[in-house]
Amino acid sequence: MADNSEKKLVKKTDKPSAAKKAKKPNLFKRIGKWFRDIINEIKKITWPTMRQTLKNTLIVIVMVLVVGAYIWILDLLLSYGISLLRSLVA
């Protein structure tokens, strides 16, 4: 019998109470809070200076050119190697 009474207690405490559901704010208050939270988070952002932005942009452009040149040279070498192999086989 002791086991049954313990199980009943557990089941009753697991259910959420109606009072907790009633305390939930309405949709418009939640949306307003969401926008206030977004604004507060945006204020915490440390934005880069114009100089840092230009420097980072130039680094990206240079790296794109370097990687593009590397891929272009590698493509030329591999296509030359394949054409050389084709001429040896044929």
PDB file of N, CA and C in Angstrom:
ATOM      1  N   MET A   1       0.799  -1.197   0.000  1.00  0.00           N
ATOM      2  CA  MET A   1       0.000   0.000   0.000  1.00  0.00           C
ATOM      3  C   MET A   1       0.844   1.264   0.000  1.00  0.00           C
ATOM      4  N   ALA A   2       1.980   1.190   0.611  1.00  0.00           N
ATOM      5  CA  ALA A   2       2.851   2.357   0.668  1.00  0.00           C
ATOM      6  C   ALA A   2       3.305   2.749  -0.734  1.00  0.00           C
ATOM      7  N   ASP A   3       3.495   1.742  -1.594  1.00  0.00           N
ATOM      8  CA  ASP A   3       3.925   2.035  -2.955  1.00  0.00           C
ATOM      9  C   ASP A   3       2.857   2.797  -3.735  1.00  0.00           C
ATOM     10  N   ASN A   4       1.605   2.444  -3.557  1.00  0.00           N
ATOM     11  CA  ASN A   4       0.522   3.109  -4.294  1.00  0.00           C
ATOM     12  C   ASN A   4       0.393   4.573  -3.879  1.00  0.00           C
ATOM     13  N   SER A   5       0.518   4.860  -2.595  1.00  0.00           N
ATOM     14  CA  SER A   5       0.377   6.247  -2.144  1.00  0.00           C
ATOM     15  C   SER A   5       1.536   7.107  -2.644  1.00  0.00           C
ATOM     16  N   GLU A   6       2.733   6.536  -2.743  1.00  0.00           N
ATOM     17  CA  GLU A   6       3.873   7.290  -3.267  1.00  0.00           C
ATOM     18  C   GLU A   6       3.685   7.593  -4.741  1.00  0.00           C
ATOM     19  N   LYS A   7       3.148   6.638  -5.477  1.00  0.00           N
ATOM     20  CA  LYS A   7       2.922   6.855  -6.904  1.00  0.00           C
ATOM     21  C   LYS A   7       1.888   7.939  -7.130  1.00  0.00           C
ATOM     22  N   LYS A   8       0.850   7.968  -6.326  1.00  0.00           N
ATOM     23  CA  LYS A   8      -0.184   8.988  -6.463  1.00  0.00           C
ATOM     24  C   LYS A   8       0.390  10.371  -6.189  1.00  0.00           C
ATOM     25  N   LEU A   9       1.269  10.476  -5.210  1.00  0.00           N
ATOM     26  CA  LEU A   9       1.878  11.766  -4.906  1.00  0.00           C
ATOM     27  C   LEU A   9       2.733  12.256  -6.066  1.00  0.00           C
ATOM     28  N   VAL A  10       3.465  11.350  -6.652  1.00  0.00           N
ATOM     29  CA  VAL A  10       4.326  11.721  -7.768  1.00  0.00           C
ATOM     30  C   VAL A  10       3.489  12.190  -8.946  1.00  0.00           C
ATOM     31  N   LYS A  11       2.410  11.506  -9.232  1.00  0.00           N
ATOM     32  CA  LYS A  11       1.569  11.882 -10.361  1.00  0.00           C
ATOM     33  C   LYS A  11       0.935  13.248 -10.142  1.00  0.00           C
ATOM     34  N   LYS A  12       0.506  13.557  -8.942  1.00  0.00           N
ATOM     35  CA  LYS A  12      -0.140  14.831  -8.673  1.00  0.00           C
ATOM     36  C   LYS A  12       0.843  15.990  -8.764  1.00  0.00           C
ATOM     37  N   THR A  13       2.076  15.797  -8.369  1.00  0.00           N
ATOM     38  CA  THR A  13       3.050  16.884  -8.394  1.00  0.00           C
ATOM     39  C   THR A  13       3.638  17.105  -9.779  1.00  0.00           C
ATOM     40  N   ASP A  14       3.569  16.117 -10.673  1.00  0.00           N
ATOM     41  CA  ASP A  14       4.132  16.264 -12.002  1.00  0.00           C
ATOM     42  C   ASP A  14       3.290  17.172 -12.901  1.00  0.00           C
ATOM     43  N   LYS A  15       2.007  17.288 -12.662  1.00  0.00           N
ATOM     44  CA  LYS A  15       1.137  18.088 -13.524  1.00  0.00           C
ATOM     45  C   LYS A  15       1.339  19.572 -13.246  1.00  0.00           C
ATOM     46  N   PRO A  16       1.401  20.407 -14.306  1.00  0.00           N
ATOM     47  CA  PRO A  16       1.531  21.852 -14.078  1.00  0.00           C
ATOM     48  C   PRO A  16       0.224  22.405 -13.520  1.00  0.00           C
ATOM     49  N   SER A  17       0.307  23.325 -12.642  1.00  0.00           N
ATOM     50  CA  SER A  17      -0.884  23.889 -12.024  1.00  0.00           C
ATOM     51  C   SER A  17      -1.531  24.912 -12.949  1.00  0.00           C
ATOM     52  N   ALA A  18      -2.799  25.138 -12.733  1.00  0.00           N
ATOM     53  CA  ALA A  18      -3.545  26.105 -13.542  1.00  0.00           C
ATOM     54  C   ALA A  18      -3.077  27.528 -13.247  1.00  0.00           C
ATOM     55  N   ALA A  19      -2.559  27.766 -12.051  1.00  0.00           N
ATOM     56  CA  ALA A  19      -2.085  29.104 -11.698  1.00  0.00           C
ATOM     57  C   ALA A  19      -0.874  29.500 -12.532  1.00  0.00           C
ATOM     58  N   LYS A  20       0.003  28.537 -12.843  1.00  0.00           N
ATOM     59  CA  LYS A  20       1.175  28.843 -13.669  1.00  0.00           C
ATOM     60  C   LYS A  20       0.765  29.219 -15.080  1.00  0.00           C
ATOM     61  N   LYS A  21      -0.249  28.561 -15.604  1.00  0.00           N
ATOM     62  CA  LYS A  21      -0.712  28.883 -16.951  1.00  0.00           C
ATOM     63  C   LYS A  21      -1.350  30.270 -16.991  1.00  0.00           C
ATOM     64  N   ALA A  22      -2.023  30.650 -15.942  1.00  0.00           N
ATOM     65  CA  ALA A  22      -2.701  31.941 -15.903  1.00  0.00           C
ATOM     66  C   ALA A  22      -1.705  33.092 -15.814  1.00  0.00           C
ATOM     67  N   LYS A  23      -0.520  32.886 -15.292  1.00  0.00           N
ATOM     68  CA  LYS A  23       0.472  33.946 -15.128  1.00  0.00           C
ATOM     69  C   LYS A  23       1.201  34.282 -16.423  1.00  0.00           C
ATOM     70  N   LYS A  24       1.028  33.494 -17.467  1.00  0.00           N
ATOM     71  CA  LYS A  24       1.714  33.722 -18.735  1.00  0.00           C
ATOM     72  C   LYS A  24       1.207  35.029 -19.362  1.00  0.00           C
ATOM     73  N   PRO A  25       2.118  35.980 -19.714  1.00  0.00           N
ATOM     74  CA  PRO A  25       1.665  37.255 -20.284  1.00  0.00           C
ATOM     75  C   PRO A  25       1.068  37.047 -21.670  1.00  0.00           C
ATOM     76  N   ASN A  26       0.254  38.018 -22.074  1.00  0.00           N
ATOM     77  CA  ASN A  26      -0.405  37.866 -23.373  1.00  0.00           C
ATOM     78  C   ASN A  26       0.602  38.026 -24.518  1.00  0.00           C
ATOM     79  N   LEU A  27       0.131  37.779 -25.712  1.00  0.00           N
ATOM     80  CA  LEU A  27       0.993  37.749 -26.896  1.00  0.00           C
ATOM     81  C   LEU A  27       1.690  39.089 -27.143  1.00  0.00           C
ATOM     82  N   PHE A  28       0.975  40.192 -27.002  1.00  0.00           N
ATOM     83  CA  PHE A  28       1.556  41.500 -27.307  1.00  0.00           C
ATOM     84  C   PHE A  28       2.633  41.882 -26.303  1.00  0.00           C
ATOM     85  N   LYS A  29       2.465  41.517 -25.051  1.00  0.00           N
ATOM     86  CA  LYS A  29       3.499  41.800 -24.053  1.00  0.00           C
ATOM     87  C   LYS A  29       4.754  40.975 -24.338  1.00  0.00           C
ATOM     88  N   ARG A  30       4.562  39.731 -24.755  1.00  0.00           N
ATOM     89  CA  ARG A  30       5.723  38.890 -25.082  1.00  0.00           C
ATOM     90  C   ARG A  30       6.455  39.415 -26.311  1.00  0.00           C
ATOM     91  N   ILE A  31       5.703  39.878 -27.308  1.00  0.00           N
ATOM     92  CA  ILE A  31       6.339  40.439 -28.506  1.00  0.00           C
ATOM     93  C   ILE A  31       7.092  41.717 -28.147  1.00  0.00           C
ATOM     94  N   GLY A  32       6.486  42.569 -27.316  1.00  0.00           N
ATOM     95  CA  GLY A  32       7.158  43.790 -26.887  1.00  0.00           C
ATOM     96  C   GLY A  32       8.435  43.495 -26.123  1.00  0.00           C
ATOM     97  N   LYS A  33       8.399  42.507 -25.251  1.00  0.00           N
ATOM     98  CA  LYS A  33       9.590  42.116 -24.493  1.00  0.00           C
ATOM     99  C   LYS A  33      10.661  41.592 -25.438  1.00  0.00           C
ATOM    100  N   TRP A  34      10.255  40.837 -26.456  1.00  0.00           N
ATOM    101  CA  TRP A  34      11.202  40.286 -27.419  1.00  0.00           C
ATOM    102  C   TRP A  34      11.936  41.415 -28.151  1.00  0.00           C
ATOM    103  N   PHE A  35      11.200  42.457 -28.578  1.00  0.00           N
ATOM    104  CA  PHE A  35      11.831  43.580 -29.270  1.00  0.00           C
ATOM    105  C   PHE A  35      12.750  44.360 -28.334  1.00  0.00           C
ATOM    106  N   ARG A  36      12.341  44.557 -27.086  1.00  0.00           N
ATOM    107  CA  ARG A  36      13.214  45.247 -26.118  1.00  0.00           C
ATOM    108  C   ARG A  36      14.499  44.460 -25.893  1.00  0.00           C
ATOM    109  N   ASP A  37      14.381  43.138 -25.823  1.00  0.00           N
ATOM    110  CA  ASP A  37      15.571  42.303 -25.650  1.00  0.00           C
ATOM    111  C   ASP A  37      16.507  42.417 -26.848  1.00  0.00           C
ATOM    112  N   ILE A  38      15.930  42.464 -28.040  1.00  0.00           N
ATOM    113  CA  ILE A  38      16.751  42.602 -29.255  1.00  0.00           C
ATOM    114  C   ILE A  38      17.505  43.934 -29.229  1.00  0.00           C
ATOM    115  N   ILE A  39      16.814  45.012 -28.888  1.00  0.00           N
ATOM    116  CA  ILE A  39      17.447  46.328 -28.844  1.00  0.00           C
ATOM    117  C   ILE A  39      18.566  46.354 -27.814  1.00  0.00           C
ATOM    118  N   ASN A  40      18.339  45.745 -26.662  1.00  0.00           N
ATOM    119  CA  ASN A  40      19.381  45.704 -25.633  1.00  0.00           C
ATOM    120  C   ASN A  40      20.595  44.905 -26.099  1.00  0.00           C
ATOM    121  N   GLU A  41      20.371  43.824 -26.824  1.00  0.00           N
ATOM    122  CA  GLU A  41      21.496  43.030 -27.329  1.00  0.00           C
ATOM    123  C   GLU A  41      22.265  43.793 -28.405  1.00  0.00           C
ATOM    124  N   ILE A  42      21.564  44.539 -29.250  1.00  0.00           N
ATOM    125  CA  ILE A  42      22.239  45.317 -30.294  1.00  0.00           C
ATOM    126  C   ILE A  42      23.115  46.401 -29.672  1.00  0.00           C
ATOM    127  N   LYS A  43      22.678  46.966 -28.560  1.00  0.00           N
ATOM    128  CA  LYS A  43      23.476  47.987 -27.886  1.00  0.00           C
ATOM    129  C   LYS A  43      24.774  47.418 -27.326  1.00  0.00           C
ATOM    130  N   LYS A  44      24.832  46.124 -27.062  1.00  0.00           N
ATOM    131  CA  LYS A  44      26.028  45.492 -26.498  1.00  0.00           C
ATOM    132  C   LYS A  44      27.088  45.180 -27.557  1.00  0.00           C
ATOM    133  N   ILE A  45      26.736  45.279 -28.821  1.00  0.00           N
ATOM    134  CA  ILE A  45      27.659  44.922 -29.898  1.00  0.00           C
ATOM    135  C   ILE A  45      28.773  45.957 -29.985  1.00  0.00           C
ATOM    136  N   THR A  46      30.017  45.486 -30.141  1.00  0.00           N
ATOM    137  CA  THR A  46      31.147  46.371 -30.387  1.00  0.00           C
ATOM    138  C   THR A  46      31.397  46.372 -31.894  1.00  0.00           C
ATOM    139  N   TRP A  47      31.032  47.465 -32.536  1.00  0.00           N
ATOM    140  CA  TRP A  47      31.152  47.543 -33.980  1.00  0.00           C
ATOM    141  C   TRP A  47      32.585  47.899 -34.360  1.00  0.00           C
ATOM    142  N   PRO A  48      33.103  47.328 -35.473  1.00  0.00           N
ATOM    143  CA  PRO A  48      34.461  47.666 -35.907  1.00  0.00           C
ATOM    144  C   PRO A  48      34.510  49.080 -36.485  1.00  0.00           C
ATOM    145  N   THR A  49      35.699  49.654 -36.418  1.00  0.00           N
ATOM    146  CA  THR A  49      35.879  50.989 -36.997  1.00  0.00           C
ATOM    147  C   THR A  49      35.968  50.871 -38.519  1.00  0.00           C
ATOM    148  N   MET A  50      35.900  52.018 -39.189  1.00  0.00           N
ATOM    149  CA  MET A  50      35.989  52.014 -40.653  1.00  0.00           C
ATOM    150  C   MET A  50      37.352  51.489 -41.101  1.00  0.00           C
ATOM    151  N   ARG A  51      38.392  51.854 -40.366  1.00  0.00           N
ATOM    152  CA  ARG A  51      39.749  51.393 -40.705  1.00  0.00           C
ATOM    153  C   ARG A  51      39.852  49.870 -40.598  1.00  0.00           C
ATOM    154  N   GLN A  52      39.298  49.297 -39.528  1.00  0.00           N
ATOM    155  CA  GLN A  52      39.331  47.839 -39.361  1.00  0.00           C
ATOM    156  C   GLN A  52      38.534  47.149 -40.466  1.00  0.00           C
ATOM    157  N   THR A  53      37.400  47.728 -40.826  1.00  0.00           N
ATOM    158  CA  THR A  53      36.566  47.143 -41.878  1.00  0.00           C
ATOM    159  C   THR A  53      37.299  47.150 -43.217  1.00  0.00           C
ATOM    160  N   LEU A  54      37.944  48.266 -43.560  1.00  0.00           N
ATOM    161  CA  LEU A  54      38.692  48.344 -44.816  1.00  0.00           C
ATOM    162  C   LEU A  54      39.865  47.373 -44.821  1.00  0.00           C
ATOM    163  N   LYS A  55      40.569  47.285 -43.702  1.00  0.00           N
ATOM    164  CA  LYS A  55      41.712  46.373 -43.603  1.00  0.00           C
ATOM    165  C   LYS A  55      41.262  44.931 -43.802  1.00  0.00           C
ATOM    166  N   ASN A  56      40.187  44.544 -43.127  1.00  0.00           N
ATOM    167  CA  ASN A  56      39.680  43.175 -43.255  1.00  0.00           C
ATOM    168  C   ASN A  56      39.170  42.894 -44.666  1.00  0.00           C
ATOM    169  N   THR A  57      38.551  43.898 -45.300  1.00  0.00           N
ATOM    170  CA  THR A  57      38.069  43.729 -46.666  1.00  0.00           C
ATOM    171  C   THR A  57      39.234  43.516 -47.625  1.00  0.00           C
ATOM    172  N   LEU A  58      40.304  44.300 -47.461  1.00  0.00           N
ATOM    173  CA  LEU A  58      41.476  44.131 -48.325  1.00  0.00           C
ATOM    174  C   LEU A  58      42.129  42.769 -48.121  1.00  0.00           C
ATOM    175  N   ILE A  59      42.173  42.304 -46.890  1.00  0.00           N
ATOM    176  CA  ILE A  59      42.742  40.978 -46.620  1.00  0.00           C
ATOM    177  C   ILE A  59      41.929  39.901 -47.329  1.00  0.00           C
ATOM    178  N   VAL A  60      40.616  40.019 -47.282  1.00  0.00           N
ATOM    179  CA  VAL A  60      39.754  39.032 -47.944  1.00  0.00           C
ATOM    180  C   VAL A  60      39.963  39.064 -49.452  1.00  0.00           C
ATOM    181  N   ILE A  61      40.035  40.258 -50.036  1.00  0.00           N
ATOM    182  CA  ILE A  61      40.223  40.368 -51.491  1.00  0.00           C
ATOM    183  C   ILE A  61      41.564  39.769 -51.903  1.00  0.00           C
ATOM    184  N   VAL A  62      42.633  40.068 -51.171  1.00  0.00           N
ATOM    185  CA  VAL A  62      43.953  39.524 -51.493  1.00  0.00           C
ATOM    186  C   VAL A  62      43.944  37.997 -51.382  1.00  0.00           C
ATOM    187  N   MET A  63      43.330  37.481 -50.333  1.00  0.00           N
ATOM    188  CA  MET A  63      43.299  36.020 -50.157  1.00  0.00           C
ATOM    189  C   MET A  63      42.487  35.347 -51.257  1.00  0.00           C
ATOM    190  N   VAL A  64      41.401  35.958 -51.689  1.00  0.00           N
ATOM    191  CA  VAL A  64      40.616  35.402 -52.795  1.00  0.00           C
ATOM    192  C   VAL A  64      41.456  35.357 -54.068  1.00  0.00           C
ATOM    193  N   LEU A  65      42.225  36.425 -54.324  1.00  0.00           N
ATOM    194  CA  LEU A  65      43.082  36.445 -55.508  1.00  0.00           C
ATOM    195  C   LEU A  65      44.184  35.393 -55.426  1.00  0.00           C
ATOM    196  N   VAL A  66      44.788  35.229 -54.244  1.00  0.00           N
ATOM    197  CA  VAL A  66      45.859  34.240 -54.076  1.00  0.00           C
ATOM    198  C   VAL A  66      45.318  32.827 -54.272  1.00  0.00           C
ATOM    199  N   VAL A  67      44.200  32.512 -53.644  1.00  0.00           N
ATOM    200  CA  VAL A  67      43.631  31.168 -53.775  1.00  0.00           C
ATOM    201  C   VAL A  67      43.157  30.940 -55.210  1.00  0.00           C
ATOM    202  N   GLY A  68      42.586  31.972 -55.838  1.00  0.00           N
ATOM    203  CA  GLY A  68      42.164  31.839 -57.235  1.00  0.00           C
ATOM    204  C   GLY A  68      43.344  31.567 -58.160  1.00  0.00           C
ATOM    205  N   ALA A  69      44.468  32.273 -57.947  1.00  0.00           N
ATOM    206  CA  ALA A  69      45.671  32.044 -58.763  1.00  0.00           C
ATOM    207  C   ALA A  69      46.214  30.643 -58.532  1.00  0.00           C
ATOM    208  N   TYR A  70      46.194  30.181 -57.281  1.00  0.00           N
ATOM    209  CA  TYR A  70      46.672  28.829 -56.965  1.00  0.00           C
ATOM    210  C   TYR A  70      45.828  27.784 -57.686  1.00  0.00           C
ATOM    211  N   ILE A  71      44.526  27.933 -57.643  1.00  0.00           N
ATOM    212  CA  ILE A  71      43.643  26.969 -58.313  1.00  0.00           C
ATOM    213  C   ILE A  71      43.831  27.031 -59.821  1.00  0.00           C
ATOM    214  N   TRP A  72      44.018  28.234 -60.376  1.00  0.00           N
ATOM    215  CA  TRP A  72      44.215  28.376 -61.812  1.00  0.00           C
ATOM    216  C   TRP A  72      45.501  27.684 -62.265  1.00  0.00           C
ATOM    217  N   ILE A  73      46.600  27.895 -61.513  1.00  0.00           N
ATOM    218  CA  ILE A  73      47.888  27.263 -61.853  1.00  0.00           C
ATOM    219  C   ILE A  73      47.785  25.750 -61.708  1.00  0.00           C
ATOM    220  N   LEU A  74      47.142  25.290 -60.643  1.00  0.00           N
ATOM    221  CA  LEU A  74      46.968  23.849 -60.438  1.00  0.00           C
ATOM    222  C   LEU A  74      46.144  23.245 -61.570  1.00  0.00           C
ATOM    223  N   ASP A  75      45.115  23.947 -62.022  1.00  0.00           N
ATOM    224  CA  ASP A  75      44.289  23.468 -63.124  1.00  0.00           C
ATOM    225  C   ASP A  75      45.112  23.377 -64.409  1.00  0.00           C
ATOM    226  N   LEU A  76      45.950  24.389 -64.678  1.00  0.00           N
ATOM    227  CA  LEU A  76      46.802  24.347 -65.873  1.00  0.00           C
ATOM    228  C   LEU A  76      47.765  23.161 -65.831  1.00  0.00           C
ATOM    229  N   LEU A  77      48.396  22.957 -64.672  1.00  0.00           N
ATOM    230  CA  LEU A  77      49.341  21.846 -64.548  1.00  0.00           C
ATOM    231  C   LEU A  77      48.662  20.495 -64.709  1.00  0.00           C
ATOM    232  N   LEU A  78      47.509  20.324 -64.083  1.00  0.00           N
ATOM    233  CA  LEU A  78      46.808  19.045 -64.196  1.00  0.00           C
ATOM    234  C   LEU A  78      46.297  18.800 -65.608  1.00  0.00           C
ATOM    235  N   SER A  79      45.785  19.823 -66.275  1.00  0.00           N
ATOM    236  CA  SER A  79      45.319  19.620 -67.649  1.00  0.00           C
ATOM    237  C   SER A  79      46.494  19.342 -68.586  1.00  0.00           C
ATOM    238  N   TYR A  80      47.652  19.963 -68.349  1.00  0.00           N
ATOM    239  CA  TYR A  80      48.842  19.643 -69.141  1.00  0.00           C
ATOM    240  C   TYR A  80      49.271  18.198 -68.886  1.00  0.00           C
ATOM    241  N   GLY A  81      49.232  17.776 -67.630  1.00  0.00           N
ATOM    242  CA  GLY A  81      49.603  16.395 -67.303  1.00  0.00           C
ATOM    243  C   GLY A  81      48.661  15.390 -67.929  1.00  0.00           C
ATOM    244  N   ILE A  82      47.374  15.676 -67.930  1.00  0.00           N
ATOM    245  CA  ILE A  82      46.403  14.760 -68.536  1.00  0.00           C
ATOM    246  C   ILE A  82      46.597  14.708 -70.045  1.00  0.00           C
ATOM    247  N   SER A  83      46.820  15.853 -70.678  1.00  0.00           N
ATOM    248  CA  SER A  83      47.041  15.853 -72.133  1.00  0.00           C
ATOM    249  C   SER A  83      48.335  15.118 -72.475  1.00  0.00           C
ATOM    250  N   LEU A  84      49.350  15.231 -71.611  1.00  0.00           N
ATOM    251  CA  LEU A  84      50.596  14.500 -71.831  1.00  0.00           C
ATOM    252  C   LEU A  84      50.356  12.994 -71.721  1.00  0.00           C
ATOM    253  N   LEU A  85      49.582  12.562 -70.735  1.00  0.00           N
ATOM    254  CA  LEU A  85      49.266  11.135 -70.592  1.00  0.00           C
ATOM    255  C   LEU A  85      48.449  10.627 -71.760  1.00  0.00           C
ATOM    256  N   ARG A  86      47.535  11.429 -72.260  1.00  0.00           N
ATOM    257  CA  ARG A  86      46.714  11.017 -73.411  1.00  0.00           C
ATOM    258  C   ARG A  86      47.578  10.843 -74.656  1.00  0.00           C
ATOM    259  N   SER A  87      48.543  11.734 -74.827  1.00  0.00           N
ATOM    260  CA  SER A  87      49.411  11.625 -76.014  1.00  0.00           C
ATOM    261  C   SER A  87      50.315  10.397 -75.925  1.00  0.00           C
ATOM    262  N   LEU A  88      50.706   9.996 -74.711  1.00  0.00           N
ATOM    263  CA  LEU A  88      51.540   8.806 -74.559  1.00  0.00           C
ATOM    264  C   LEU A  88      50.751   7.520 -74.800  1.00  0.00           C
ATOM    265  N   VAL A  89      49.501   7.511 -74.388  1.00  0.00           N
ATOM    266  CA  VAL A  89      48.669   6.325 -74.534  1.00  0.00           C
ATOM    267  C   VAL A  89      48.185   6.162 -75.958  1.00  0.00           C
ATOM    268  N   ALA A  90      47.856   7.223 -76.630  1.00  0.00           N
ATOM    269  CA  ALA A  90      47.271   7.140 -77.980  1.00  0.00           C
ATOM    270  C   ALA A  90      48.266   6.895 -79.027  1.00  0.00           C
TER     271      ALA A  90
END
